[in-house]
Structures are given as structure tokens and as C-alpha cells.
Amino acid sequence: MTTRVAKTSDAVLTQSITREVAKRVVGQELMVERLLIGLLTGGHVLLEGVPGLAKTLAVRTVAECLRITFSRIQFTPDLLPADVIGTMVFDQRSQEFYPKKGPLFANLVLADEINRAPAKVQSALLEAMQEKNVTVSGTRYPLEEPFFVLATQNPIEMEGTYPLPEAQVDRFLFKVEVPASKLEELVEVIDRTTGKETPVPRQVLTGPQILEMRALAREVPIASHVKEFVARLVLATHPGEGSAVARKYLRYGASPRGAQAMVRAGKILALMKGRYNVAFTDIKEAAYPALRHRLILNFEAEAEGIRPDTIIEKILAEIPEVATAGAR
């Protein structure tokens, strides 16, 4: 069965990449797992955390484990759309214009400190993230697959930053909140970064293999009652027709992309855990990174300091699992 092959391949893949990343990145196993889910689903991932938590290092290390093209874009307030997608350049010899492609033309793009760029630059990513195409001077150029964006942002520094527009945030499969290191992890970080040279990770996977794994993962079955649970969960986040907590604290709920993200991630989580079908536990685990950036808080929630994860937790507790015990 292709799902059986997918389970074995995905498990081996994730374990191999996780071991390679661990050569450089101490702890942060959940962040690395979320990055790998984005890799295997073809979804973009937004990493949010204070400086120094190895967000950029983790992305670069994942890129080094793959035989694909990689580019890094350091977002700054003076960045222009042409600096990201490219522009047309005039050739004196041929007397013709030709496209000079920007750093967005890579398989894996690290958008470092993405919230430091103005809205016109951020909007240049919208077409690429959703349609895998870039328009330069009226001509559309396809981006080579696999293509995905891993972005970082700092949640505490507001000077010189621009909030991401909702349309762009919605295009991220996951928003991952990167926690601070624990005591033993911090000691290990000090040892690794002030001692001997850090080991170099080996390449584990090629671009065609990534595409093959994505295709196999899409074949993982999901029962109708689990899909219905996903739909009810998304609808419960809508203030007009959702749960009481949504009506109290939310201005807008999750979009259909939130449902798609939970199902896609749930299939990968099921394979990682050695199962051939998506369970309620997979959806609940994927709900937090898939929905937290899609919930728009109202003034009352911000005044009370309510976090999106708190709202998701309460909504999950309200929605019953309609299934037999053997179907879980």
C-alpha cells in the first residue's frame, strides 16, 4: 500500500533530518517538527520568538539537510519589491530586456524578520506563497517545486516593524511560537558555541523525493467524522455562529485555509506516529499552530490579555468527538 510506504518513508525522513538538525540546534524539537510538517505538506511556516532562540539557525540547518536551492532575504524597512521578486534589466548588446530573478526564485526561502519590511514588499510574497508564481513587469514566471517560505519575526520589538496583513498571515500553514531554552539546554548551547567547531549536517533528501513524499502523504485517509470535526472546529471560531468564547473575544475567525492546514498537518502527524489514518488527537495537536494566527482578537480580548491559544483550547473542549471508540 502506498500509505504504508508513506508511513515508513516519512518516519525515516523526519528522524534523519531531526538528528542532523540536532547537531547544531539544542532543544526546540517541537519547532523542528513543525518545520518538517511544513516541508512534507508544502506549507509555509512562520516562526515567532525573541532573538537568540535559533530560529534562523534551525531554518538554515534544515536547508543544509536538503539537496535543494536555498536563499535568505533579510527584510529591512528600505527593501523594495524588486529586491525580492526581481526586475527587468536592459541588455546593451541584444538591445532587449531580460528578467533578472530575485532571491524568491529558490526552493526554500528564509524570510528573516519578515515584519521589518513595509506592506508593499510583504504583498510581493502573496502571489508566490499561494500560486507558486511571480509576476515581473506583467509576465508570470513559475517557481520551481518544491517551494516553501519559512519566515521569522520578533514579537517584542515594535520599532521599525510592520504588522503582517491578514491576507499574508493566512497563507502560512503554521505559526510556531518558539519558547525560551531550558536550563540544561542553555548550558549545552554555551558548550557548543564556545567550544569546538559545530559539526556540519549531511544532506538527507532531494527535491524530487520531497515532492514524492508530499504526494504519498496526501493519500493518508481521513474519516468523514474527523473531517466534520475539523469543519465544526473552524466554524466555532466565527463570532456570528461560533462558540460563546468566540463571540466574546474574536472579531474574525479562521478561514477555510485553517481547515485545510489541520487536515494536511494531521496526515503527516499520523504518519510520524506510525498510524495509517488521521485521528482526533492529530487534529487537536495541529489546531494550535494552524489556527492561532488566523484568529483576530477584539478589544476585550486584548484588554484582558487573552491569547489565541486559550481561545482554541476552550473551543476544543466544547466540540464533541462524534465517533465510535474503535475509530479513534
C-alpha atoms as a PDB file:
ATOM      1  CA  MET A   1       0.000   0.000   0.000  1.00  0.00           C
ATOM      2  CA  THR A   2       1.218   3.488  -0.792  1.00  0.00           C
ATOM      3  CA  THR A   3       0.152   4.718   2.643  1.00  0.00           C
ATOM      4  CA  ARG A   4       2.313   2.013   4.226  1.00  0.00           C
ATOM      5  CA  VAL A   5       5.278   3.154   2.125  1.00  0.00           C
ATOM      6  CA  ALA A   6       4.500   6.758   3.027  1.00  0.00           C
ATOM      7  CA  LYS A   7       4.483   5.936   6.724  1.00  0.00           C
ATOM      8  CA  THR A   8       7.869   4.231   6.575  1.00  0.00           C
ATOM      9  CA  SER A   9       9.449   6.891   4.361  1.00  0.00           C
ATOM     10  CA  ASP A  10       8.109   9.821   6.362  1.00  0.00           C
ATOM     11  CA  ALA A  11       9.239   8.285   9.650  1.00  0.00           C
ATOM     12  CA  VAL A  12      12.752   7.634   8.337  1.00  0.00           C
ATOM     13  CA  LEU A  13      12.902  11.076   6.758  1.00  0.00           C
ATOM     14  CA  THR A  14      11.829  13.007   9.829  1.00  0.00           C
ATOM     15  CA  GLN A  15      14.086  11.017  12.134  1.00  0.00           C
ATOM     16  CA  SER A  16      17.093  11.525   9.865  1.00  0.00           C
ATOM     17  CA  ILE A  17      16.571  15.268   9.455  1.00  0.00           C
ATOM     18  CA  THR A  18      15.830  15.696  13.166  1.00  0.00           C
ATOM     19  CA  ARG A  19      19.146  14.002  14.028  1.00  0.00           C
ATOM     20  CA  GLU A  20      21.042  16.227  11.606  1.00  0.00           C
ATOM     21  CA  VAL A  21      19.398  19.413  12.883  1.00  0.00           C
ATOM     22  CA  ALA A  22      20.137  18.364  16.471  1.00  0.00           C
ATOM     23  CA  LYS A  23      23.853  18.534  15.649  1.00  0.00           C
ATOM     24  CA  ARG A  24      23.510  22.316  15.640  1.00  0.00           C
ATOM     25  CA  VAL A  25      20.230  23.233  17.342  1.00  0.00           C
ATOM     26  CA  VAL A  26      19.871  22.386  21.026  1.00  0.00           C
ATOM     27  CA  GLY A  27      16.335  21.509  22.080  1.00  0.00           C
ATOM     28  CA  GLN A  28      13.474  23.114  20.131  1.00  0.00           C
ATOM     29  CA  GLU A  29      12.283  19.675  18.999  1.00  0.00           C
ATOM     30  CA  LEU A  30       8.711  20.921  18.544  1.00  0.00           C
ATOM     31  CA  MET A  31       9.863  23.783  16.321  1.00  0.00           C
ATOM     32  CA  VAL A  32      11.879  21.374  14.165  1.00  0.00           C
ATOM     33  CA  GLU A  33       8.903  19.014  13.924  1.00  0.00           C
ATOM     34  CA  ARG A  34       6.658  21.872  12.763  1.00  0.00           C
ATOM     35  CA  LEU A  35       9.226  22.846  10.147  1.00  0.00           C
ATOM     36  CA  LEU A  36       9.276  19.269   8.853  1.00  0.00           C
ATOM     37  CA  ILE A  37       5.471  19.189   8.696  1.00  0.00           C
ATOM     38  CA  GLY A  38       5.621  22.311   6.541  1.00  0.00           C
ATOM     39  CA  LEU A  39       8.247  20.625   4.380  1.00  0.00           C
ATOM     40  CA  LEU A  40       6.151  17.493   3.839  1.00  0.00           C
ATOM     41  CA  THR A  41       2.868  19.319   3.249  1.00  0.00           C
ATOM     42  CA  GLY A  42       4.288  22.101   1.076  1.00  0.00           C
ATOM     43  CA  GLY A  43       3.051  24.687   3.557  1.00  0.00           C
ATOM     44  CA  HIS A  44       4.775  27.875   4.672  1.00  0.00           C
ATOM     45  CA  VAL A  45       5.736  28.307   8.325  1.00  0.00           C
ATOM     46  CA  LEU A  46       6.019  31.484  10.416  1.00  0.00           C
ATOM     47  CA  LEU A  47       8.371  31.302  13.412  1.00  0.00           C
ATOM     48  CA  GLU A  48       7.814  33.854  16.164  1.00  0.00           C
ATOM     49  CA  GLY A  49      10.173  34.284  19.079  1.00  0.00           C
ATOM     50  CA  VAL A  50      12.588  36.641  20.764  1.00  0.00           C
ATOM     51  CA  PRO A  51      16.112  36.957  19.355  1.00  0.00           C
ATOM     52  CA  GLY A  52      18.649  34.216  20.051  1.00  0.00           C
ATOM     53  CA  LEU A  53      16.349  31.170  20.071  1.00  0.00           C
ATOM     54  CA  ALA A  54      17.934  29.552  16.981  1.00  0.00           C
ATOM     55  CA  LYS A  55      15.038  30.290  14.598  1.00  0.00           C
ATOM     56  CA  THR A  56      17.295  31.313  11.725  1.00  0.00           C
ATOM     57  CA  LEU A  57      19.864  28.634  12.573  1.00  0.00           C
ATOM     58  CA  ALA A  58      17.193  25.930  12.515  1.00  0.00           C
ATOM     59  CA  VAL A  59      15.945  27.006   9.087  1.00  0.00           C
ATOM     60  CA  ARG A  60      19.453  27.182   7.652  1.00  0.00           C
ATOM     61  CA  THR A  61      20.293  23.762   9.081  1.00  0.00           C
ATOM     62  CA  VAL A  62      17.140  22.204   7.604  1.00  0.00           C
ATOM     63  CA  ALA A  63      18.122  23.738   4.257  1.00  0.00           C
ATOM     64  CA  GLU A  64      21.590  22.173   4.510  1.00  0.00           C
ATOM     65  CA  CYS A  65      19.981  18.757   5.055  1.00  0.00           C
ATOM     66  CA  LEU A  66      18.224  19.039   1.682  1.00  0.00           C
ATOM     67  CA  ARG A  67      19.629  18.992  -1.834  1.00  0.00           C
ATOM     68  CA  ILE A  68      17.586  21.990  -2.920  1.00  0.00           C
ATOM     69  CA  THR A  69      18.300  25.644  -3.645  1.00  0.00           C
ATOM     70  CA  PHE A  70      18.185  27.987  -0.666  1.00  0.00           C
ATOM     71  CA  SER A  71      18.094  31.750  -0.344  1.00  0.00           C
ATOM     72  CA  ARG A  72      17.841  34.126   2.567  1.00  0.00           C
ATOM     73  CA  ILE A  73      16.129  37.511   2.383  1.00  0.00           C
ATOM     74  CA  GLN A  74      16.947  39.885   5.228  1.00  0.00           C
ATOM     75  CA  PHE A  75      13.853  42.071   5.430  1.00  0.00           C
ATOM     76  CA  THR A  76      14.532  45.746   6.188  1.00  0.00           C
ATOM     77  CA  PRO A  77      12.387  48.913   6.034  1.00  0.00           C
ATOM     78  CA  ASP A  78      14.140  50.107   2.849  1.00  0.00           C
ATOM     79  CA  LEU A  79      13.602  46.846   0.936  1.00  0.00           C
ATOM     80  CA  LEU A  80      11.782  47.118  -2.411  1.00  0.00           C
ATOM     81  CA  PRO A  81       9.545  44.521  -4.137  1.00  0.00           C
ATOM     82  CA  ALA A  82      12.123  44.240  -6.937  1.00  0.00           C
ATOM     83  CA  ASP A  83      14.713  43.199  -4.349  1.00  0.00           C
ATOM     84  CA  VAL A  84      12.536  40.152  -3.596  1.00  0.00           C
ATOM     85  CA  ILE A  85      10.920  39.062  -6.867  1.00  0.00           C
ATOM     86  CA  GLY A  86      13.384  40.577  -9.351  1.00  0.00           C
ATOM     87  CA  THR A  87      13.079  43.075 -12.197  1.00  0.00           C
ATOM     88  CA  MET A  88      13.650  43.554 -15.924  1.00  0.00           C
ATOM     89  CA  VAL A  89      17.180  44.537 -16.985  1.00  0.00           C
ATOM     90  CA  PHE A  90      18.174  46.028 -20.344  1.00  0.00           C
ATOM     91  CA  ASP A  91      20.915  44.215 -22.256  1.00  0.00           C
ATOM     92  CA  GLN A  92      23.049  46.689 -24.215  1.00  0.00           C
ATOM     93  CA  ARG A  93      24.311  44.042 -26.650  1.00  0.00           C
ATOM     94  CA  SER A  94      20.991  42.456 -27.589  1.00  0.00           C
ATOM     95  CA  GLN A  95      19.028  45.699 -27.112  1.00  0.00           C
ATOM     96  CA  GLU A  96      16.382  43.690 -25.244  1.00  0.00           C
ATOM     97  CA  PHE A  97      15.063  43.430 -21.735  1.00  0.00           C
ATOM     98  CA  TYR A  98      15.509  40.181 -19.833  1.00  0.00           C
ATOM     99  CA  PRO A  99      14.294  39.173 -16.350  1.00  0.00           C
ATOM    100  CA  LYS A 100      16.791  39.266 -13.507  1.00  0.00           C
ATOM    101  CA  LYS A 101      15.196  36.910 -10.996  1.00  0.00           C
ATOM    102  CA  GLY A 102      15.276  37.796  -7.326  1.00  0.00           C
ATOM    103  CA  PRO A 103      16.059  35.595  -4.314  1.00  0.00           C
ATOM    104  CA  LEU A 104      12.443  34.413  -4.235  1.00  0.00           C
ATOM    105  CA  PHE A 105      13.361  32.016  -7.052  1.00  0.00           C
ATOM    106  CA  ALA A 106      14.601  29.230  -4.788  1.00  0.00           C
ATOM    107  CA  ASN A 107      13.139  26.050  -3.342  1.00  0.00           C
ATOM    108  CA  LEU A 108      13.478  27.142   0.276  1.00  0.00           C
ATOM    109  CA  VAL A 109      13.281  30.844   1.069  1.00  0.00           C
ATOM    110  CA  LEU A 110      14.133  32.165   4.524  1.00  0.00           C
ATOM    111  CA  ALA A 111      12.298  35.448   5.059  1.00  0.00           C
ATOM    112  CA  ASP A 112      14.254  36.693   8.063  1.00  0.00           C
ATOM    113  CA  GLU A 113      12.472  39.262  10.261  1.00  0.00           C
ATOM    114  CA  ILE A 114       9.639  39.457   7.765  1.00  0.00           C
ATOM    115  CA  ASN A 115       7.760  42.075   9.795  1.00  0.00           C
ATOM    116  CA  ARG A 116      10.539  44.630   9.209  1.00  0.00           C
ATOM    117  CA  ALA A 117       9.550  45.149   5.572  1.00  0.00           C
ATOM    118  CA  PRO A 118       6.792  47.577   4.525  1.00  0.00           C
ATOM    119  CA  ALA A 119       3.441  46.358   3.219  1.00  0.00           C
ATOM    120  CA  LYS A 120       4.339  46.716  -0.462  1.00  0.00           C
ATOM    121  CA  VAL A 121       7.213  44.271  -0.026  1.00  0.00           C
ATOM    122  CA  GLN A 122       5.180  41.849   2.040  1.00  0.00           C
ATOM    123  CA  SER A 123       2.452  41.906  -0.608  1.00  0.00           C
ATOM    124  CA  ALA A 124       5.042  40.850  -3.203  1.00  0.00           C
ATOM    125  CA  LEU A 125       5.076  37.466  -1.461  1.00  0.00           C
ATOM    126  CA  LEU A 126       1.315  36.891  -1.702  1.00  0.00           C
ATOM    127  CA  GLU A 127       1.228  35.548  -5.248  1.00  0.00           C
ATOM    128  CA  ALA A 128       4.320  33.414  -4.701  1.00  0.00           C
ATOM    129  CA  MET A 129       3.062  31.852  -1.473  1.00  0.00           C
ATOM    130  CA  GLN A 130      -0.383  30.995  -2.806  1.00  0.00           C
ATOM    131  CA  GLU A 131       0.027  30.367  -6.536  1.00  0.00           C
ATOM    132  CA  LYS A 132       3.748  29.469  -6.768  1.00  0.00           C
ATOM    133  CA  ASN A 133       4.131  32.135  -9.467  1.00  0.00           C
ATOM    134  CA  VAL A 134       5.780  35.559  -9.622  1.00  0.00           C
ATOM    135  CA  THR A 135       4.763  38.409 -11.924  1.00  0.00           C
ATOM    136  CA  VAL A 136       7.601  40.632 -13.165  1.00  0.00           C
ATOM    137  CA  SER A 137       6.672  43.515 -15.498  1.00  0.00           C
ATOM    138  CA  GLY A 138       3.428  41.847 -16.488  1.00  0.00           C
ATOM    139  CA  THR A 139       4.934  38.418 -17.210  1.00  0.00           C
ATOM    140  CA  ARG A 140       4.275  35.445 -14.931  1.00  0.00           C
ATOM    141  CA  TYR A 141       7.154  33.149 -14.059  1.00  0.00           C
ATOM    142  CA  PRO A 142       6.517  29.822 -12.295  1.00  0.00           C
ATOM    143  CA  LEU A 143       8.537  28.974  -9.198  1.00  0.00           C
ATOM    144  CA  GLU A 144      10.289  25.636  -9.184  1.00  0.00           C
ATOM    145  CA  GLU A 145       8.791  23.000  -6.914  1.00  0.00           C
ATOM    146  CA  PRO A 146       9.261  22.272  -4.115  1.00  0.00           C
ATOM    147  CA  PHE A 147       8.786  25.852  -2.957  1.00  0.00           C
ATOM    148  CA  PHE A 148       8.086  26.999   0.568  1.00  0.00           C
ATOM    149  CA  VAL A 149       8.741  30.057   2.712  1.00  0.00           C
ATOM    150  CA  LEU A 150       9.997  29.865   6.277  1.00  0.00           C
ATOM    151  CA  ALA A 151       9.668  33.268   7.914  1.00  0.00           C
ATOM    152  CA  THR A 152      10.811  34.621  11.273  1.00  0.00           C
ATOM    153  CA  GLN A 153       9.598  37.576  13.264  1.00  0.00           C
ATOM    154  CA  ASN A 154      10.315  39.190  16.615  1.00  0.00           C
ATOM    155  CA  PRO A 155       7.197  39.662  18.793  1.00  0.00           C
ATOM    156  CA  ILE A 156       8.625  42.157  21.279  1.00  0.00           C
ATOM    157  CA  GLU A 157      10.436  44.793  19.230  1.00  0.00           C
ATOM    158  CA  MET A 158       7.918  47.198  17.693  1.00  0.00           C
ATOM    159  CA  GLU A 159      10.207  49.961  16.417  1.00  0.00           C
ATOM    160  CA  GLY A 160      10.757  49.722  12.678  1.00  0.00           C
ATOM    161  CA  THR A 161       8.308  46.855  12.223  1.00  0.00           C
ATOM    162  CA  TYR A 162       5.137  46.497  10.163  1.00  0.00           C
ATOM    163  CA  PRO A 163       2.354  44.084  11.156  1.00  0.00           C
ATOM    164  CA  LEU A 164       1.783  41.433   8.512  1.00  0.00           C
ATOM    165  CA  PRO A 165      -1.508  41.875   6.622  1.00  0.00           C
ATOM    166  CA  GLU A 166      -4.155  39.266   7.423  1.00  0.00           C
ATOM    167  CA  ALA A 167      -4.179  38.032   3.813  1.00  0.00           C
ATOM    168  CA  GLN A 168      -0.499  37.158   4.055  1.00  0.00           C
ATOM    169  CA  VAL A 169      -0.671  35.655   7.536  1.00  0.00           C
ATOM    170  CA  ASP A 170      -3.471  33.378   6.344  1.00  0.00           C
ATOM    171  CA  ARG A 171      -1.144  31.904   3.726  1.00  0.00           C
ATOM    172  CA  PHE A 172       1.100  30.402   6.386  1.00  0.00           C
ATOM    173  CA  LEU A 173       0.278  26.801   7.213  1.00  0.00           C
ATOM    174  CA  PHE A 174       1.573  27.202  10.770  1.00  0.00           C
ATOM    175  CA  LYS A 175       2.540  29.918  13.165  1.00  0.00           C
ATOM    176  CA  VAL A 176       5.044  28.423  15.601  1.00  0.00           C
ATOM    177  CA  GLU A 177       5.776  30.188  18.872  1.00  0.00           C
ATOM    178  CA  VAL A 178       9.390  29.420  19.784  1.00  0.00           C
ATOM    179  CA  PRO A 179       9.885  29.117  23.568  1.00  0.00           C
ATOM    180  CA  ALA A 180      12.961  30.093  25.554  1.00  0.00           C
ATOM    181  CA  SER A 181      15.602  27.453  26.250  1.00  0.00           C
ATOM    182  CA  LYS A 182      15.523  25.410  29.445  1.00  0.00           C
ATOM    183  CA  LEU A 183      18.422  25.444  31.907  1.00  0.00           C
ATOM    184  CA  GLU A 184      20.115  22.274  30.671  1.00  0.00           C
ATOM    185  CA  GLU A 185      19.581  23.326  27.061  1.00  0.00           C
ATOM    186  CA  LEU A 186      21.139  26.729  27.681  1.00  0.00           C
ATOM    187  CA  VAL A 187      24.191  25.096  29.259  1.00  0.00           C
ATOM    188  CA  GLU A 188      24.514  22.882  26.178  1.00  0.00           C
ATOM    189  CA  VAL A 189      24.224  25.928  23.908  1.00  0.00           C
ATOM    190  CA  ILE A 190      27.095  27.579  25.778  1.00  0.00           C
ATOM    191  CA  ASP A 191      29.242  24.449  25.431  1.00  0.00           C
ATOM    192  CA  ARG A 192      28.589  24.091  21.709  1.00  0.00           C
ATOM    193  CA  THR A 193      29.018  27.717  20.729  1.00  0.00           C
ATOM    194  CA  THR A 194      32.102  28.487  22.836  1.00  0.00           C
ATOM    195  CA  GLY A 195      33.930  25.205  22.447  1.00  0.00           C
ATOM    196  CA  LYS A 196      34.918  23.111  19.488  1.00  0.00           C
ATOM    197  CA  GLU A 197      33.669  23.654  15.957  1.00  0.00           C
ATOM    198  CA  THR A 198      29.998  22.811  15.329  1.00  0.00           C
ATOM    199  CA  PRO A 199      29.529  19.665  13.190  1.00  0.00           C
ATOM    200  CA  VAL A 200      28.219  20.006   9.645  1.00  0.00           C
ATOM    201  CA  PRO A 201      24.891  18.261   8.931  1.00  0.00           C
ATOM    202  CA  ARG A 202      24.739  15.878   5.997  1.00  0.00           C
ATOM    203  CA  GLN A 203      22.283  16.098   3.133  1.00  0.00           C
ATOM    204  CA  VAL A 204      19.384  13.705   3.569  1.00  0.00           C
ATOM    205  CA  LEU A 205      16.779  14.419   0.895  1.00  0.00           C
ATOM    206  CA  THR A 206      16.447  15.749  -2.648  1.00  0.00           C
ATOM    207  CA  GLY A 207      13.763  17.946  -4.163  1.00  0.00           C
ATOM    208  CA  PRO A 208      12.098  15.132  -6.185  1.00  0.00           C
ATOM    209  CA  GLN A 209      11.993  12.969  -3.064  1.00  0.00           C
ATOM    210  CA  ILE A 210      10.232  15.757  -1.167  1.00  0.00           C
ATOM    211  CA  LEU A 211       7.583  16.004  -3.888  1.00  0.00           C
ATOM    212  CA  GLU A 212       7.146  12.232  -3.832  1.00  0.00           C
ATOM    213  CA  MET A 213       6.661  12.227  -0.069  1.00  0.00           C
ATOM    214  CA  ARG A 214       4.112  15.017  -0.345  1.00  0.00           C
ATOM    215  CA  ALA A 215       2.115  13.035  -2.898  1.00  0.00           C
ATOM    216  CA  LEU A 216       2.198   9.902  -0.747  1.00  0.00           C
ATOM    217  CA  ALA A 217       1.161  11.797   2.376  1.00  0.00           C
ATOM    218  CA  ARG A 218      -1.939  13.137   0.615  1.00  0.00           C
ATOM    219  CA  GLU A 219      -3.153   9.547   0.247  1.00  0.00           C
ATOM    220  CA  VAL A 220      -3.431   9.038   4.012  1.00  0.00           C
ATOM    221  CA  PRO A 221      -7.158   8.507   4.678  1.00  0.00           C
ATOM    222  CA  ILE A 222      -9.200  10.671   6.997  1.00  0.00           C
ATOM    223  CA  ALA A 223     -12.630   9.517   8.152  1.00  0.00           C
ATOM    224  CA  SER A 224     -15.728  11.585   7.425  1.00  0.00           C
ATOM    225  CA  HIS A 225     -16.450  12.195  11.122  1.00  0.00           C
ATOM    226  CA  VAL A 226     -12.917  13.539  11.624  1.00  0.00           C
ATOM    227  CA  LYS A 227     -13.318  15.888   8.649  1.00  0.00           C
ATOM    228  CA  GLU A 228     -16.642  17.007  10.130  1.00  0.00           C
ATOM    229  CA  PHE A 229     -14.873  17.679  13.424  1.00  0.00           C
ATOM    230  CA  VAL A 230     -12.403  19.934  11.573  1.00  0.00           C
ATOM    231  CA  ALA A 231     -15.243  21.826   9.897  1.00  0.00           C
ATOM    232  CA  ARG A 232     -17.121  22.303  13.180  1.00  0.00           C
ATOM    233  CA  LEU A 233     -13.927  23.496  14.832  1.00  0.00           C
ATOM    234  CA  VAL A 234     -13.356  26.174  12.182  1.00  0.00           C
ATOM    235  CA  LEU A 235     -16.995  27.309  12.253  1.00  0.00           C
ATOM    236  CA  ALA A 236     -16.845  27.541  16.052  1.00  0.00           C
ATOM    237  CA  THR A 237     -14.217  30.282  15.720  1.00  0.00           C
ATOM    238  CA  HIS A 238     -16.618  32.558  13.832  1.00  0.00           C
ATOM    239  CA  PRO A 239     -18.160  35.168  16.179  1.00  0.00           C
ATOM    240  CA  GLY A 240     -21.519  35.224  14.399  1.00  0.00           C
ATOM    241  CA  GLU A 241     -22.211  31.497  14.574  1.00  0.00           C
ATOM    242  CA  GLY A 242     -19.455  30.125  16.757  1.00  0.00           C
ATOM    243  CA  SER A 243     -18.996  29.312  20.406  1.00  0.00           C
ATOM    244  CA  ALA A 244     -19.560  31.670  23.308  1.00  0.00           C
ATOM    245  CA  VAL A 245     -15.836  32.302  23.718  1.00  0.00           C
ATOM    246  CA  ALA A 246     -15.586  33.274  20.032  1.00  0.00           C
ATOM    247  CA  ARG A 247     -18.481  35.705  20.328  1.00  0.00           C
ATOM    248  CA  LYS A 248     -16.873  37.267  23.386  1.00  0.00           C
ATOM    249  CA  TYR A 249     -13.247  37.587  22.275  1.00  0.00           C
ATOM    250  CA  LEU A 250     -12.983  37.380  18.478  1.00  0.00           C
ATOM    251  CA  ARG A 251     -13.626  39.829  15.655  1.00  0.00           C
ATOM    252  CA  TYR A 252     -12.971  37.278  12.917  1.00  0.00           C
ATOM    253  CA  GLY A 253     -12.490  33.533  12.918  1.00  0.00           C
ATOM    254  CA  ALA A 254     -10.409  31.106  10.905  1.00  0.00           C
ATOM    255  CA  SER A 255     -10.694  30.826   7.120  1.00  0.00           C
ATOM    256  CA  PRO A 256     -11.088  27.598   5.104  1.00  0.00           C
ATOM    257  CA  ARG A 257      -7.284  27.544   4.876  1.00  0.00           C
ATOM    258  CA  GLY A 258      -7.314  26.776   8.594  1.00  0.00           C
ATOM    259  CA  ALA A 259      -9.311  23.600   7.958  1.00  0.00           C
ATOM    260  CA  GLN A 260      -7.015  22.617   5.101  1.00  0.00           C
ATOM    261  CA  ALA A 261      -3.949  23.205   7.276  1.00  0.00           C
ATOM    262  CA  MET A 262      -5.253  20.986  10.093  1.00  0.00           C
ATOM    263  CA  VAL A 263      -6.065  18.111   7.736  1.00  0.00           C
ATOM    264  CA  ARG A 264      -2.758  18.325   5.856  1.00  0.00           C
ATOM    265  CA  ALA A 265      -0.774  18.514   9.081  1.00  0.00           C
ATOM    266  CA  GLY A 266      -2.897  15.797  10.679  1.00  0.00           C
ATOM    267  CA  LYS A 267      -1.922  13.362   7.915  1.00  0.00           C
ATOM    268  CA  ILE A 268       1.773  13.994   8.499  1.00  0.00           C
ATOM    269  CA  LEU A 269       1.380  13.701  12.276  1.00  0.00           C
ATOM    270  CA  ALA A 270      -0.405  10.378  11.835  1.00  0.00           C
ATOM    271  CA  LEU A 271       2.478   9.051   9.725  1.00  0.00           C
ATOM    272  CA  MET A 272       5.029  10.308  12.229  1.00  0.00           C
ATOM    273  CA  LYS A 273       3.207   8.366  14.957  1.00  0.00           C
ATOM    274  CA  GLY A 274       3.041   5.174  12.891  1.00  0.00           C
ATOM    275  CA  ARG A 275      -0.660   5.265  12.004  1.00  0.00           C
ATOM    276  CA  TYR A 276      -2.410   4.965   8.642  1.00  0.00           C
ATOM    277  CA  ASN A 277      -5.342   7.252   9.405  1.00  0.00           C
ATOM    278  CA  VAL A 278      -5.892  10.692  10.907  1.00  0.00           C
ATOM    279  CA  ALA A 279      -7.215  10.673  14.473  1.00  0.00           C
ATOM    280  CA  PHE A 280      -8.871  13.353  16.580  1.00  0.00           C
ATOM    281  CA  THR A 281      -5.631  13.722  18.544  1.00  0.00           C
ATOM    282  CA  ASP A 282      -3.760  14.669  15.357  1.00  0.00           C
ATOM    283  CA  ILE A 283      -6.289  17.393  14.552  1.00  0.00           C
ATOM    284  CA  LYS A 284      -6.199  18.760  18.094  1.00  0.00           C
ATOM    285  CA  GLU A 285      -2.396  18.861  18.048  1.00  0.00           C
ATOM    286  CA  ALA A 286      -2.397  20.671  14.714  1.00  0.00           C
ATOM    287  CA  ALA A 287      -5.155  23.094  15.751  1.00  0.00           C
ATOM    288  CA  TYR A 288      -2.919  25.419  17.772  1.00  0.00           C
ATOM    289  CA  PRO A 289      -0.225  26.236  15.169  1.00  0.00           C
ATOM    290  CA  ALA A 290      -2.800  26.128  12.346  1.00  0.00           C
ATOM    291  CA  LEU A 291      -5.352  28.489  13.904  1.00  0.00           C
ATOM    292  CA  ARG A 292      -3.563  30.847  16.312  1.00  0.00           C
ATOM    293  CA  HIS A 293      -2.560  33.302  13.569  1.00  0.00           C
ATOM    294  CA  ARG A 294      -5.961  33.130  11.898  1.00  0.00           C
ATOM    295  CA  LEU A 295      -7.956  34.358  14.896  1.00  0.00           C
ATOM    296  CA  ILE A 296      -8.420  38.139  15.036  1.00  0.00           C
ATOM    297  CA  LEU A 297      -8.885  39.253  18.641  1.00  0.00           C
ATOM    298  CA  ASN A 298     -11.253  42.065  19.595  1.00  0.00           C
ATOM    299  CA  PHE A 299     -10.550  44.879  22.037  1.00  0.00           C
ATOM    300  CA  GLU A 300     -11.932  42.969  25.013  1.00  0.00           C
ATOM    301  CA  ALA A 301      -9.559  40.075  24.437  1.00  0.00           C
ATOM    302  CA  GLU A 302      -6.566  42.382  24.099  1.00  0.00           C
ATOM    303  CA  ALA A 303      -7.563  44.322  27.208  1.00  0.00           C
ATOM    304  CA  GLU A 304      -7.842  41.127  29.243  1.00  0.00           C
ATOM    305  CA  GLY A 305      -4.638  39.682  27.812  1.00  0.00           C
ATOM    306  CA  ILE A 306      -6.381  36.673  26.281  1.00  0.00           C
ATOM    307  CA  ARG A 307      -4.137  34.655  23.967  1.00  0.00           C
ATOM    308  CA  PRO A 308      -5.393  32.846  20.838  1.00  0.00           C
ATOM    309  CA  ASP A 309      -4.200  29.519  22.271  1.00  0.00           C
ATOM    310  CA  THR A 310      -6.516  29.985  25.247  1.00  0.00           C
ATOM    311  CA  ILE A 311      -9.476  30.503  22.936  1.00  0.00           C
ATOM    312  CA  ILE A 312      -8.536  27.450  20.851  1.00  0.00           C
ATOM    313  CA  GLU A 313      -8.269  25.335  23.995  1.00  0.00           C
ATOM    314  CA  LYS A 314     -11.749  26.370  25.155  1.00  0.00           C
ATOM    315  CA  ILE A 315     -13.298  25.762  21.738  1.00  0.00           C
ATOM    316  CA  LEU A 316     -11.710  22.316  21.514  1.00  0.00           C
ATOM    317  CA  ALA A 317     -13.207  21.466  24.903  1.00  0.00           C
ATOM    318  CA  GLU A 318     -16.692  22.426  23.665  1.00  0.00           C
ATOM    319  CA  ILE A 319     -16.744  20.401  20.432  1.00  0.00           C
ATOM    320  CA  PRO A 320     -17.678  16.737  20.923  1.00  0.00           C
ATOM    321  CA  GLU A 321     -15.944  13.921  19.085  1.00  0.00           C
ATOM    322  CA  VAL A 322     -18.684  12.148  17.176  1.00  0.00           C
ATOM    323  CA  ALA A 323     -17.194   8.720  16.573  1.00  0.00           C
ATOM    324  CA  THR A 324     -17.084   5.212  17.932  1.00  0.00           C
ATOM    325  CA  ALA A 325     -14.261   4.248  20.257  1.00  0.00           C
ATOM    326  CA  GLY A 326     -12.689   1.972  17.667  1.00  0.00           C
ATOM    327  CA  ALA A 327     -12.472   4.758  15.079  1.00  0.00           C
ATOM    328  CA  ARG A 328     -10.075   6.889  17.069  1.00  0.00           C
END
